[in-house]
C-alpha atoms as a PDB file:
ATOM      1  CA  UNK A   1     156.119 150.278 125.584  1.00  0.00           C
ATOM      2  CA  UNK A   2     153.392 148.905 127.922  1.00  0.00           C
ATOM      3  CA  UNK A   3     150.855 151.625 128.495  1.00  0.00           C
ATOM      4  CA  UNK A   4     147.663 151.560 131.421  1.00  0.00           C
ATOM      5  CA  UNK A   5     145.259 153.820 130.776  1.00  0.00           C
ATOM      6  CA  UNK A   6     147.463 156.115 127.479  1.00  0.00           C
ATOM      7  CA  UNK A   7     149.377 157.047 130.967  1.00  0.00           C
ATOM      8  CA  UNK A   8     152.542 156.110 131.144  1.00  0.00           C
ATOM      9  CA  UNK A   9     153.649 154.682 134.528  1.00  0.00           C
ATOM     10  CA  UNK A  10     157.037 157.281 135.331  1.00  0.00           C
ATOM     11  CA  UNK A  11     159.706 155.498 137.502  1.00  0.00           C
ATOM     12  CA  UNK A  12     161.517 158.356 139.592  1.00  0.00           C
ATOM     13  CA  UNK A  13     166.052 157.531 140.696  1.00  0.00           C
ATOM     14  CA  UNK A  14     167.037 159.587 143.609  1.00  0.00           C
ATOM     15  CA  UNK A  15     164.584 161.594 146.335  1.00  0.00           C
ATOM     16  CA  UNK A  16     166.310 164.712 146.393  1.00  0.00           C
ATOM     17  CA  UNK A  17     165.822 168.479 145.490  1.00  0.00           C
ATOM     18  CA  UNK A  18     165.741 167.259 142.035  1.00  0.00           C
ATOM     19  CA  UNK A  19     163.303 163.753 142.819  1.00  0.00           C
ATOM     20  CA  UNK A  20     161.444 164.896 144.718  1.00  0.00           C
ATOM     21  CA  UNK A  21     160.229 167.440 142.572  1.00  0.00           C
ATOM     22  CA  UNK A  22     159.732 165.186 139.009  1.00  0.00           C
ATOM     23  CA  UNK A  23     157.719 163.129 141.974  1.00  0.00           C
ATOM     24  CA  UNK A  24     155.420 166.083 142.893  1.00  0.00           C
ATOM     25  CA  UNK A  25     155.943 167.066 138.898  1.00  0.00           C
ATOM     26  CA  UNK A  26     154.104 163.688 137.487  1.00  0.00           C
ATOM     27  CA  UNK A  27     152.114 163.012 140.889  1.00  0.00           C
ATOM     28  CA  UNK A  28     149.661 164.854 138.906  1.00  0.00           C
ATOM     29  CA  UNK A  29     151.067 168.075 137.112  1.00  0.00           C
ATOM     30  CA  UNK A  30     151.871 166.206 133.640  1.00  0.00           C
ATOM     31  CA  UNK A  31     149.225 165.206 131.250  1.00  0.00           C
ATOM     32  CA  UNK A  32     149.337 161.726 129.977  1.00  0.00           C
ATOM     33  CA  UNK A  33     151.703 160.400 132.953  1.00  0.00           C
ATOM     34  CA  UNK A  34     151.724 159.063 136.236  1.00  0.00           C
ATOM     35  CA  UNK A  35     154.156 158.190 138.765  1.00  0.00           C
ATOM     36  CA  UNK A  36     154.741 155.094 139.293  1.00  0.00           C
ATOM     37  CA  UNK A  37     157.545 154.575 141.558  1.00  0.00           C
ATOM     38  CA  UNK A  38     160.420 156.333 143.156  1.00  0.00           C
ATOM     39  CA  UNK A  39     164.048 154.742 144.241  1.00  0.00           C
ATOM     40  CA  UNK A  40     166.094 155.451 146.419  1.00  0.00           C
ATOM     41  CA  UNK A  41     168.650 153.851 148.436  1.00  0.00           C
ATOM     42  CA  UNK A  42     167.271 155.817 151.272  1.00  0.00           C
ATOM     43  CA  UNK A  43     163.551 153.981 152.217  1.00  0.00           C
ATOM     44  CA  UNK A  44     162.623 156.952 154.107  1.00  0.00           C
ATOM     45  CA  UNK A  45     162.999 159.647 151.469  1.00  0.00           C
ATOM     46  CA  UNK A  46     161.944 157.391 148.698  1.00  0.00           C
ATOM     47  CA  UNK A  47     158.263 157.634 150.936  1.00  0.00           C
ATOM     48  CA  UNK A  48     158.283 161.463 150.896  1.00  0.00           C
ATOM     49  CA  UNK A  49     158.151 161.969 148.128  1.00  0.00           C
ATOM     50  CA  UNK A  50     156.266 159.488 146.678  1.00  0.00           C
ATOM     51  CA  UNK A  51     152.716 159.793 147.844  1.00  0.00           C
ATOM     52  CA  UNK A  52     150.816 156.170 147.596  1.00  0.00           C
ATOM     53  CA  UNK A  53     152.986 155.037 145.023  1.00  0.00           C
ATOM     54  CA  UNK A  54     155.832 152.140 145.422  1.00  0.00           C
ATOM     55  CA  UNK A  55     159.113 152.522 146.749  1.00  0.00           C
ATOM     56  CA  UNK A  56     162.112 150.589 145.730  1.00  0.00           C
ATOM     57  CA  UNK A  57     166.090 150.974 147.281  1.00  0.00           C
ATOM     58  CA  UNK A  58     167.867 149.362 144.421  1.00  0.00           C
ATOM     59  CA  UNK A  59     167.098 151.577 140.709  1.00  0.00           C
ATOM     60  CA  UNK A  60     167.827 148.280 138.712  1.00  0.00           C
ATOM     61  CA  UNK A  61     164.799 147.115 140.267  1.00  0.00           C
ATOM     62  CA  UNK A  62     163.025 149.642 139.173  1.00  0.00           C
ATOM     63  CA  UNK A  63     164.307 149.991 136.346  1.00  0.00           C
ATOM     64  CA  UNK A  64     163.412 146.208 135.127  1.00  0.00           C
ATOM     65  CA  UNK A  65     159.887 146.094 136.813  1.00  0.00           C
ATOM     66  CA  UNK A  66     157.458 144.835 133.948  1.00  0.00           C
ATOM     67  CA  UNK A  67     154.800 148.337 134.949  1.00  0.00           C
ATOM     68  CA  UNK A  68     157.595 150.618 134.898  1.00  0.00           C
ATOM     69  CA  UNK A  69     157.206 152.378 130.726  1.00  0.00           C
ATOM     70  CA  UNK A  70     159.891 155.171 131.469  1.00  0.00           C
ATOM     71  CA  UNK A  71     162.501 156.731 133.954  1.00  0.00           C
ATOM     72  CA  UNK A  72     163.418 160.183 135.917  1.00  0.00           C
ATOM     73  CA  UNK A  73     167.102 159.762 136.360  1.00  0.00           C
ATOM     74  CA  UNK A  74     167.734 162.568 139.947  1.00  0.00           C
ATOM     75  CA  UNK A  75     170.333 160.769 141.631  1.00  0.00           C
ATOM     76  CA  UNK A  76     174.019 161.478 142.648  1.00  0.00           C
ATOM     77  CA  UNK A  77     175.640 162.391 139.485  1.00  0.00           C
ATOM     78  CA  UNK A  78     178.599 159.453 139.643  1.00  0.00           C
ATOM     79  CA  UNK A  79     175.410 157.911 139.382  1.00  0.00           C
ATOM     80  CA  UNK A  80     173.827 158.709 136.117  1.00  0.00           C
ATOM     81  CA  UNK A  81     176.389 156.774 133.206  1.00  0.00           C
ATOM     82  CA  UNK A  82     175.313 153.110 134.384  1.00  0.00           C
ATOM     83  CA  UNK A  83     171.645 153.426 135.296  1.00  0.00           C
ATOM     84  CA  UNK A  84     171.406 155.383 131.316  1.00  0.00           C
ATOM     85  CA  UNK A  85     173.146 152.419 129.758  1.00  0.00           C
ATOM     86  CA  UNK A  86     170.240 150.914 131.977  1.00  0.00           C
ATOM     87  CA  UNK A  87     167.262 152.331 131.232  1.00  0.00           C
ATOM     88  CA  UNK A  88     168.546 151.712 127.319  1.00  0.00           C
ATOM     89  CA  UNK A  89     169.599 147.869 127.693  1.00  0.00           C
ATOM     90  CA  UNK A  90     165.506 147.771 129.313  1.00  0.00           C
ATOM     91  CA  UNK A  91     164.221 149.698 126.040  1.00  0.00           C
ATOM     92  CA  UNK A  92     163.077 152.368 128.141  1.00  0.00           C
ATOM     93  CA  UNK A  93     162.963 155.808 127.647  1.00  0.00           C
ATOM     94  CA  UNK A  94     164.861 158.236 130.391  1.00  0.00           C
ATOM     95  CA  UNK A  95     165.074 161.447 131.278  1.00  0.00           C
ATOM     96  CA  UNK A  96     168.509 162.354 133.050  1.00  0.00           C
ATOM     97  CA  UNK A  97     169.454 165.275 135.511  1.00  0.00           C
ATOM     98  CA  UNK A  98     172.577 167.093 133.903  1.00  0.00           C
ATOM     99  CA  UNK A  99     175.486 165.155 133.495  1.00  0.00           C
ATOM    100  CA  UNK A 100     174.961 162.672 131.107  1.00  0.00           C
ATOM    101  CA  UNK A 101     178.114 161.838 132.505  1.00  0.00           C
ATOM    102  CA  UNK A 102     180.446 163.309 134.474  1.00  0.00           C
ATOM    103  CA  UNK A 103     183.253 162.750 132.195  1.00  0.00           C
ATOM    104  CA  UNK A 104     183.362 162.926 128.002  1.00  0.00           C
ATOM    105  CA  UNK A 105     184.617 159.429 127.274  1.00  0.00           C
ATOM    106  CA  UNK A 106     181.382 157.537 129.516  1.00  0.00           C
ATOM    107  CA  UNK A 107     178.842 160.374 127.677  1.00  0.00           C
ATOM    108  CA  UNK A 108     180.562 159.070 124.110  1.00  0.00           C
ATOM    109  CA  UNK A 109     180.004 155.143 125.805  1.00  0.00           C
ATOM    110  CA  UNK A 110     175.987 156.736 126.326  1.00  0.00           C
ATOM    111  CA  UNK A 111     175.868 157.914 123.006  1.00  0.00           C
ATOM    112  CA  UNK A 112     176.792 154.855 121.210  1.00  0.00           C
ATOM    113  CA  UNK A 113     175.397 152.722 123.161  1.00  0.00           C
ATOM    114  CA  UNK A 114     172.125 154.566 122.190  1.00  0.00           C
ATOM    115  CA  UNK A 115     172.858 154.586 118.473  1.00  0.00           C
ATOM    116  CA  UNK A 116     173.134 150.702 118.249  1.00  0.00           C
ATOM    117  CA  UNK A 117     169.797 150.604 120.366  1.00  0.00           C
ATOM    118  CA  UNK A 118     168.063 152.470 117.001  1.00  0.00           C
ATOM    119  CA  UNK A 119     165.663 154.089 119.324  1.00  0.00           C
ATOM    120  CA  UNK A 120     165.995 157.889 120.755  1.00  0.00           C
ATOM    121  CA  UNK A 121     166.103 156.575 124.082  1.00  0.00           C
ATOM    122  CA  UNK A 122     167.514 159.282 125.487  1.00  0.00           C
ATOM    123  CA  UNK A 123     166.517 163.571 127.113  1.00  0.00           C
ATOM    124  CA  UNK A 124     168.933 165.389 129.270  1.00  0.00           C
ATOM    125  CA  UNK A 125     167.471 167.566 131.598  1.00  0.00           C
ATOM    126  CA  UNK A 126     169.103 170.810 130.678  1.00  0.00           C
ATOM    127  CA  UNK A 127     165.522 172.652 130.879  1.00  0.00           C
ATOM    128  CA  UNK A 128     166.933 176.455 130.099  1.00  0.00           C
ATOM    129  CA  UNK A 129     165.199 175.021 126.447  1.00  0.00           C
ATOM    130  CA  UNK A 130     162.159 174.939 127.637  1.00  0.00           C
ATOM    131  CA  UNK A 131     162.465 178.083 130.527  1.00  0.00           C
ATOM    132  CA  UNK A 132     159.910 180.610 128.079  1.00  0.00           C
ATOM    133  CA  UNK A 133     162.129 184.166 128.895  1.00  0.00           C
ATOM    134  CA  UNK A 134     164.606 182.070 126.619  1.00  0.00           C
ATOM    135  CA  UNK A 135     162.165 180.494 124.409  1.00  0.00           C
ATOM    136  CA  UNK A 136     160.902 184.189 123.672  1.00  0.00           C
ATOM    137  CA  UNK A 137     164.910 185.591 123.093  1.00  0.00           C
ATOM    138  CA  UNK A 138     164.830 182.497 120.953  1.00  0.00           C
ATOM    139  CA  UNK A 139     161.945 183.380 118.716  1.00  0.00           C
ATOM    140  CA  UNK A 140     162.756 186.546 118.530  1.00  0.00           C
ATOM    141  CA  UNK A 141     166.310 185.198 117.218  1.00  0.00           C
ATOM    142  CA  UNK A 142     164.424 183.719 114.804  1.00  0.00           C
ATOM    143  CA  UNK A 143     162.180 186.900 113.923  1.00  0.00           C
ATOM    144  CA  UNK A 144     165.265 188.525 112.618  1.00  0.00           C
ATOM    145  CA  UNK A 145     164.202 191.231 114.629  1.00  0.00           C
ATOM    146  CA  UNK A 146     167.703 192.863 116.145  1.00  0.00           C
ATOM    147  CA  UNK A 147     169.675 191.123 112.971  1.00  0.00           C
ATOM    148  CA  UNK A 148     172.202 188.959 113.520  1.00  0.00           C
ATOM    149  CA  UNK A 149     173.056 187.912 116.976  1.00  0.00           C
ATOM    150  CA  UNK A 150     176.961 189.234 117.623  1.00  0.00           C
ATOM    151  CA  UNK A 151     176.947 189.436 121.625  1.00  0.00           C
ATOM    152  CA  UNK A 152     175.281 187.437 124.142  1.00  0.00           C
ATOM    153  CA  UNK A 153     175.936 188.489 127.970  1.00  0.00           C
ATOM    154  CA  UNK A 154     175.132 186.288 130.787  1.00  0.00           C
ATOM    155  CA  UNK A 155     174.521 185.989 134.813  1.00  0.00           C
ATOM    156  CA  UNK A 156     174.000 182.801 136.644  1.00  0.00           C
ATOM    157  CA  UNK A 157     174.259 183.848 140.294  1.00  0.00           C
ATOM    158  CA  UNK A 158     173.835 182.262 143.124  1.00  0.00           C
ATOM    159  CA  UNK A 159     172.826 182.939 146.952  1.00  0.00           C
ATOM    160  CA  UNK A 160     175.797 181.036 147.916  1.00  0.00           C
ATOM    161  CA  UNK A 161     177.499 177.956 147.227  1.00  0.00           C
ATOM    162  CA  UNK A 162     177.880 174.619 149.577  1.00  0.00           C
ATOM    163  CA  UNK A 163     180.622 173.396 151.182  1.00  0.00           C
ATOM    164  CA  UNK A 164     181.227 170.416 148.951  1.00  0.00           C
ATOM    165  CA  UNK A 165     181.187 173.112 145.915  1.00  0.00           C
ATOM    166  CA  UNK A 166     184.655 172.660 144.084  1.00  0.00           C
ATOM    167  CA  UNK A 167     186.659 175.340 142.146  1.00  0.00           C
ATOM    168  CA  UNK A 168     185.520 173.763 138.790  1.00  0.00           C
ATOM    169  CA  UNK A 169     182.167 172.921 139.120  1.00  0.00           C
ATOM    170  CA  UNK A 170     181.858 176.571 138.546  1.00  0.00           C
ATOM    171  CA  UNK A 171     181.892 175.731 135.340  1.00  0.00           C
ATOM    172  CA  UNK A 172     180.511 171.409 135.284  1.00  0.00           C
ATOM    173  CA  UNK A 173     177.810 172.169 137.498  1.00  0.00           C
ATOM    174  CA  UNK A 174     177.037 175.923 137.197  1.00  0.00           C
ATOM    175  CA  UNK A 175     178.044 176.567 133.704  1.00  0.00           C
ATOM    176  CA  UNK A 176     176.821 173.843 131.573  1.00  0.00           C
ATOM    177  CA  UNK A 177     173.385 175.597 131.713  1.00  0.00           C
ATOM    178  CA  UNK A 178     174.786 178.059 129.574  1.00  0.00           C
ATOM    179  CA  UNK A 179     176.888 175.491 127.384  1.00  0.00           C
ATOM    180  CA  UNK A 180     173.326 174.373 126.214  1.00  0.00           C
ATOM    181  CA  UNK A 181     171.382 176.669 125.704  1.00  0.00           C
ATOM    182  CA  UNK A 182     173.543 179.441 123.689  1.00  0.00           C
ATOM    183  CA  UNK A 183     174.814 176.503 121.425  1.00  0.00           C
ATOM    184  CA  UNK A 184     170.064 175.565 121.287  1.00  0.00           C
ATOM    185  CA  UNK A 185     169.811 179.791 121.477  1.00  0.00           C
ATOM    186  CA  UNK A 186     172.323 180.546 118.810  1.00  0.00           C
ATOM    187  CA  UNK A 187     171.711 177.271 116.620  1.00  0.00           C
ATOM    188  CA  UNK A 188     175.936 177.149 116.680  1.00  0.00           C
ATOM    189  CA  UNK A 189     178.962 175.468 118.244  1.00  0.00           C
ATOM    190  CA  UNK A 190     182.028 176.472 120.058  1.00  0.00           C
ATOM    191  CA  UNK A 191     185.061 176.966 118.558  1.00  0.00           C
ATOM    192  CA  UNK A 192     187.092 178.215 121.555  1.00  0.00           C
ATOM    193  CA  UNK A 193     187.278 179.271 125.200  1.00  0.00           C
ATOM    194  CA  UNK A 194     189.233 180.985 127.698  1.00  0.00           C
ATOM    195  CA  UNK A 195     187.665 180.530 132.126  1.00  0.00           C
ATOM    196  CA  UNK A 196     189.463 183.511 134.174  1.00  0.00           C
ATOM    197  CA  UNK A 197     188.936 183.466 137.926  1.00  0.00           C
ATOM    198  CA  UNK A 198     189.035 185.665 140.758  1.00  0.00           C
ATOM    199  CA  UNK A 199     190.521 186.207 143.909  1.00  0.00           C
ATOM    200  CA  UNK A 200     189.973 184.630 146.777  1.00  0.00           C
ATOM    201  CA  UNK A 201     188.836 188.055 149.170  1.00  0.00           C
ATOM    202  CA  UNK A 202     186.416 188.610 151.678  1.00  0.00           C
ATOM    203  CA  UNK A 203     186.102 185.109 153.371  1.00  0.00           C
ATOM    204  CA  UNK A 204     185.217 184.005 149.288  1.00  0.00           C
ATOM    205  CA  UNK A 205     187.380 181.428 148.098  1.00  0.00           C
ATOM    206  CA  UNK A 206     188.837 181.559 145.067  1.00  0.00           C
ATOM    207  CA  UNK A 207     187.777 180.817 141.959  1.00  0.00           C
ATOM    208  CA  UNK A 208     184.164 182.610 142.553  1.00  0.00           C
ATOM    209  CA  UNK A 209     183.600 184.421 140.087  1.00  0.00           C
ATOM    210  CA  UNK A 210     184.422 183.274 136.955  1.00  0.00           C
ATOM    211  CA  UNK A 211     184.772 184.997 133.756  1.00  0.00           C
ATOM    212  CA  UNK A 212     183.876 182.959 130.951  1.00  0.00           C
ATOM    213  CA  UNK A 213     184.385 183.956 127.430  1.00  0.00           C
ATOM    214  CA  UNK A 214     183.104 181.251 124.577  1.00  0.00           C
ATOM    215  CA  UNK A 215     183.271 182.002 119.686  1.00  0.00           C
ATOM    216  CA  UNK A 216     180.927 179.997 117.791  1.00  0.00           C
ATOM    217  CA  UNK A 217     180.960 178.851 114.475  1.00  0.00           C
ATOM    218  CA  UNK A 218     178.230 181.855 113.621  1.00  0.00           C
ATOM    219  CA  UNK A 219     180.099 184.408 114.934  1.00  0.00           C
ATOM    220  CA  UNK A 220     179.320 185.213 117.990  1.00  0.00           C
ATOM    221  CA  UNK A 221     180.761 185.796 121.067  1.00  0.00           C
ATOM    222  CA  UNK A 222     179.030 184.707 124.671  1.00  0.00           C
ATOM    223  CA  UNK A 223     180.448 186.220 127.447  1.00  0.00           C
ATOM    224  CA  UNK A 224     179.271 184.905 130.887  1.00  0.00           C
ATOM    225  CA  UNK A 225     179.212 185.575 135.140  1.00  0.00           C
ATOM    226  CA  UNK A 226     179.197 182.746 137.489  1.00  0.00           C
ATOM    227  CA  UNK A 227     179.267 183.830 140.849  1.00  0.00           C
ATOM    228  CA  UNK A 228     178.391 181.157 143.208  1.00  0.00           C
ATOM    229  CA  UNK A 229     177.995 183.114 146.228  1.00  0.00           C
ATOM    230  CA  UNK A 230     176.217 186.368 145.188  1.00  0.00           C
ATOM    231  CA  UNK A 231     174.699 187.573 148.181  1.00  0.00           C
ATOM    232  CA  UNK A 232     170.891 187.956 147.266  1.00  0.00           C
ATOM    233  CA  UNK A 233     169.543 184.656 145.851  1.00  0.00           C
ATOM    234  CA  UNK A 234     169.554 183.531 141.982  1.00  0.00           C
ATOM    235  CA  UNK A 235     169.570 185.183 139.259  1.00  0.00           C
ATOM    236  CA  UNK A 236     169.873 184.147 135.903  1.00  0.00           C
ATOM    237  CA  UNK A 237     169.704 187.190 132.698  1.00  0.00           C
ATOM    238  CA  UNK A 238     170.772 186.750 129.807  1.00  0.00           C
ATOM    239  CA  UNK A 239     171.585 189.742 126.527  1.00  0.00           C
ATOM    240  CA  UNK A 240     171.457 189.258 122.826  1.00  0.00           C
ATOM    241  CA  UNK A 241     173.088 192.136 120.915  1.00  0.00           C
ATOM    242  CA  UNK A 242     172.984 191.984 117.643  1.00  0.00           C
ATOM    243  CA  UNK A 243     173.361 193.889 114.406  1.00  0.00           C
ATOM    244  CA  UNK A 244     170.123 195.898 114.546  1.00  0.00           C
ATOM    245  CA  UNK A 245     168.649 195.906 117.981  1.00  0.00           C
ATOM    246  CA  UNK A 246     168.989 194.160 121.330  1.00  0.00           C
ATOM    247  CA  UNK A 247     167.102 190.917 123.329  1.00  0.00           C
ATOM    248  CA  UNK A 248     166.811 190.355 127.059  1.00  0.00           C
ATOM    249  CA  UNK A 249     165.407 188.831 130.091  1.00  0.00           C
ATOM    250  CA  UNK A 250     162.897 191.483 132.226  1.00  0.00           C
ATOM    251  CA  UNK A 251     164.219 190.582 136.115  1.00  0.00           C
ATOM    252  CA  UNK A 252     162.734 186.614 136.947  1.00  0.00           C
ATOM    253  CA  UNK A 253     160.057 187.526 139.383  1.00  0.00           C
ATOM    254  CA  UNK A 254     156.492 187.556 140.029  1.00  0.00           C
ATOM    255  CA  UNK A 255     155.173 191.010 140.926  1.00  0.00           C
ATOM    256  CA  UNK A 256     157.045 193.836 142.514  1.00  0.00           C
ATOM    257  CA  UNK A 257     155.700 195.966 146.002  1.00  0.00           C
ATOM    258  CA  UNK A 258     155.873 199.466 146.049  1.00  0.00           C
ATOM    259  CA  UNK A 259     156.384 200.850 149.820  1.00  0.00           C
ATOM    260  CA  UNK A 260     157.750 204.266 151.528  1.00  0.00           C
ATOM    261  CA  UNK A 261     159.034 205.701 148.094  1.00  0.00           C
ATOM    262  CA  UNK A 262     160.771 202.325 146.958  1.00  0.00           C
ATOM    263  CA  UNK A 263     160.326 199.110 144.436  1.00  0.00           C
ATOM    264  CA  UNK A 264     160.464 195.982 145.398  1.00  0.00           C
ATOM    265  CA  UNK A 265     160.925 192.596 143.478  1.00  0.00           C
ATOM    266  CA  UNK A 266     162.342 189.200 144.569  1.00  0.00           C
ATOM    267  CA  UNK A 267     164.334 186.929 143.885  1.00  0.00           C
ATOM    268  CA  UNK A 268     164.051 182.806 144.694  1.00  0.00           C
ATOM    269  CA  UNK A 269     166.833 181.445 147.322  1.00  0.00           C
ATOM    270  CA  UNK A 270     167.486 178.466 144.318  1.00  0.00           C
ATOM    271  CA  UNK A 271     166.916 177.569 141.475  1.00  0.00           C
ATOM    272  CA  UNK A 272     164.099 175.523 141.219  1.00  0.00           C
ATOM    273  CA  UNK A 273     160.838 178.455 141.289  1.00  0.00           C
ATOM    274  CA  UNK A 274     162.671 180.342 138.432  1.00  0.00           C
ATOM    275  CA  UNK A 275     162.359 177.611 136.509  1.00  0.00           C
ATOM    276  CA  UNK A 276     159.405 175.848 138.014  1.00  0.00           C
ATOM    277  CA  UNK A 277     157.162 176.493 134.563  1.00  0.00           C
ATOM    278  CA  UNK A 278     160.445 175.287 132.563  1.00  0.00           C
ATOM    279  CA  UNK A 279     160.746 172.081 134.065  1.00  0.00           C
ATOM    280  CA  UNK A 280     156.704 171.590 134.116  1.00  0.00           C
ATOM    281  CA  UNK A 281     157.037 172.155 130.045  1.00  0.00           C
ATOM    282  CA  UNK A 282     160.189 170.072 129.336  1.00  0.00           C
ATOM    283  CA  UNK A 283     158.772 167.238 131.727  1.00  0.00           C
ATOM    284  CA  UNK A 284     155.486 166.926 129.232  1.00  0.00           C
ATOM    285  CA  UNK A 285     157.742 167.460 125.890  1.00  0.00           C
ATOM    286  CA  UNK A 286     158.987 164.662 127.019  1.00  0.00           C
ATOM    287  CA  UNK A 287     155.747 162.834 128.031  1.00  0.00           C
ATOM    288  CA  UNK A 288     153.858 163.521 124.783  1.00  0.00           C
ATOM    289  CA  UNK A 289     156.872 161.912 122.258  1.00  0.00           C
ATOM    290  CA  UNK A 290     156.470 158.980 124.024  1.00  0.00           C
ATOM    291  CA  UNK A 291     152.901 158.840 123.928  1.00  0.00           C
ATOM    292  CA  UNK A 292     153.144 159.400 119.868  1.00  0.00           C
ATOM    293  CA  UNK A 293     156.146 157.782 119.363  1.00  0.00           C
ATOM    294  CA  UNK A 294     158.189 160.914 118.005  1.00  0.00           C
ATOM    295  CA  UNK A 295     161.213 162.914 118.975  1.00  0.00           C
ATOM    296  CA  UNK A 296     160.850 165.231 121.995  1.00  0.00           C
ATOM    297  CA  UNK A 297     160.575 168.489 120.512  1.00  0.00           C
ATOM    298  CA  UNK A 298     163.121 171.047 121.495  1.00  0.00           C
ATOM    299  CA  UNK A 299     164.622 169.113 123.678  1.00  0.00           C
ATOM    300  CA  UNK A 300     168.170 168.262 125.444  1.00  0.00           C
ATOM    301  CA  UNK A 301     169.807 164.701 123.478  1.00  0.00           C
ATOM    302  CA  UNK A 302     172.248 162.399 124.611  1.00  0.00           C
ATOM    303  CA  UNK A 303     174.509 164.057 122.110  1.00  0.00           C
ATOM    304  CA  UNK A 304     174.183 167.712 123.334  1.00  0.00           C
ATOM    305  CA  UNK A 305     174.800 165.965 126.662  1.00  0.00           C
ATOM    306  CA  UNK A 306     178.054 164.589 125.278  1.00  0.00           C
ATOM    307  CA  UNK A 307     178.956 168.162 124.064  1.00  0.00           C
ATOM    308  CA  UNK A 308     178.002 169.434 127.148  1.00  0.00           C
ATOM    309  CA  UNK A 309     180.429 167.929 129.431  1.00  0.00           C
ATOM    310  CA  UNK A 310     183.156 167.811 126.432  1.00  0.00           C
ATOM    311  CA  UNK A 311     183.308 171.778 126.597  1.00  0.00           C
ATOM    312  CA  UNK A 312     182.770 171.914 130.262  1.00  0.00           C
ATOM    313  CA  UNK A 313     185.892 169.294 130.576  1.00  0.00           C
ATOM    314  CA  UNK A 314     188.057 171.806 128.476  1.00  0.00           C
ATOM    315  CA  UNK A 315     187.449 174.958 129.934  1.00  0.00           C
ATOM    316  CA  UNK A 316     188.452 173.265 132.968  1.00  0.00           C
ATOM    317  CA  UNK A 317     191.886 172.532 131.366  1.00  0.00           C
ATOM    318  CA  UNK A 318     192.173 176.357 131.036  1.00  0.00           C
ATOM    319  CA  UNK A 319     190.483 177.678 133.757  1.00  0.00           C
ATOM    320  CA  UNK A 320     192.787 181.197 135.013  1.00  0.00           C
ATOM    321  CA  UNK A 321     195.798 179.144 132.855  1.00  0.00           C
ATOM    322  CA  UNK A 322     195.412 182.205 130.458  1.00  0.00           C
ATOM    323  CA  UNK A 323     195.450 179.504 127.789  1.00  0.00           C
ATOM    324  CA  UNK A 324     193.220 179.379 125.058  1.00  0.00           C
ATOM    325  CA  UNK A 325     190.941 176.168 124.899  1.00  0.00           C
ATOM    326  CA  UNK A 326     189.947 175.156 120.937  1.00  0.00           C
ATOM    327  CA  UNK A 327     187.762 172.498 121.118  1.00  0.00           C
ATOM    328  CA  UNK A 328     187.638 169.598 119.733  1.00  0.00           C
ATOM    329  CA  UNK A 329     184.630 167.412 119.186  1.00  0.00           C
ATOM    330  CA  UNK A 330     184.537 164.018 117.189  1.00  0.00           C
ATOM    331  CA  UNK A 331     182.081 163.944 114.528  1.00  0.00           C
ATOM    332  CA  UNK A 332     178.414 163.577 115.268  1.00  0.00           C
END
């Protein structure tokens, strides 16, 4: 890998909300890295987030550029498969926002291509693994303080769903985070799951909110409410019930205000303020691994991306049918 002054030259593909946030982080918040370029079909969008870095309209040119060491892919989901394969072909580390690809077959192609390369080049942006709250939950479980985990309760609520959001995306775009982080928290695989969708009403489309239940190889059960139109803000919560106690997140607010006989704490409008620390810590761990030539500690691999997409697909296939998906994964 070519480096300059012990710094990884990072190219960001995609200049939307997520690409812009990655560009900001690599522009000055990540040790050992610098923002080297931004690519987006809309050059004006790329310029808006690139600062002094050059811009490209063709991501393939950015990937092949000799002065780019590593890539972040934050472009539309449908582009991820081809772009990740191009990074593997170029021998460059890549951090791809979820999903790794839009279907399990395409994810498996990436897993196999990375295996043929003989290098750990691909990581998926399941940033909750680096969130301090989730890390404390994991540490508590590992300490044995609450005994054996038996039930995991989750809330995943958004202020409102955009117009282009479809019912299945509550699973493939939102719940996919719980698929990954519960698996990581419990260090277990899933055996079966089901999805119950609520009927339409009061201006809310059918399938919102949904309730997903899953069972794991360790004997624990998870239940997750995914609510795309909660109406009050972005709110993620996790509670784990063990054989000797429970552990849960506190409210994800930085401050509380007490006035006029009441106490208030605010929820953010979207996920970026809530997980700002997680993104920073994830990106730092990725860069540290590149600089040392080691593995990204705690990060989601290409295989993890494949598992998440596969489970999501199988859940969509049984959503609101009353059927139970018996999960089927190939050998790793």
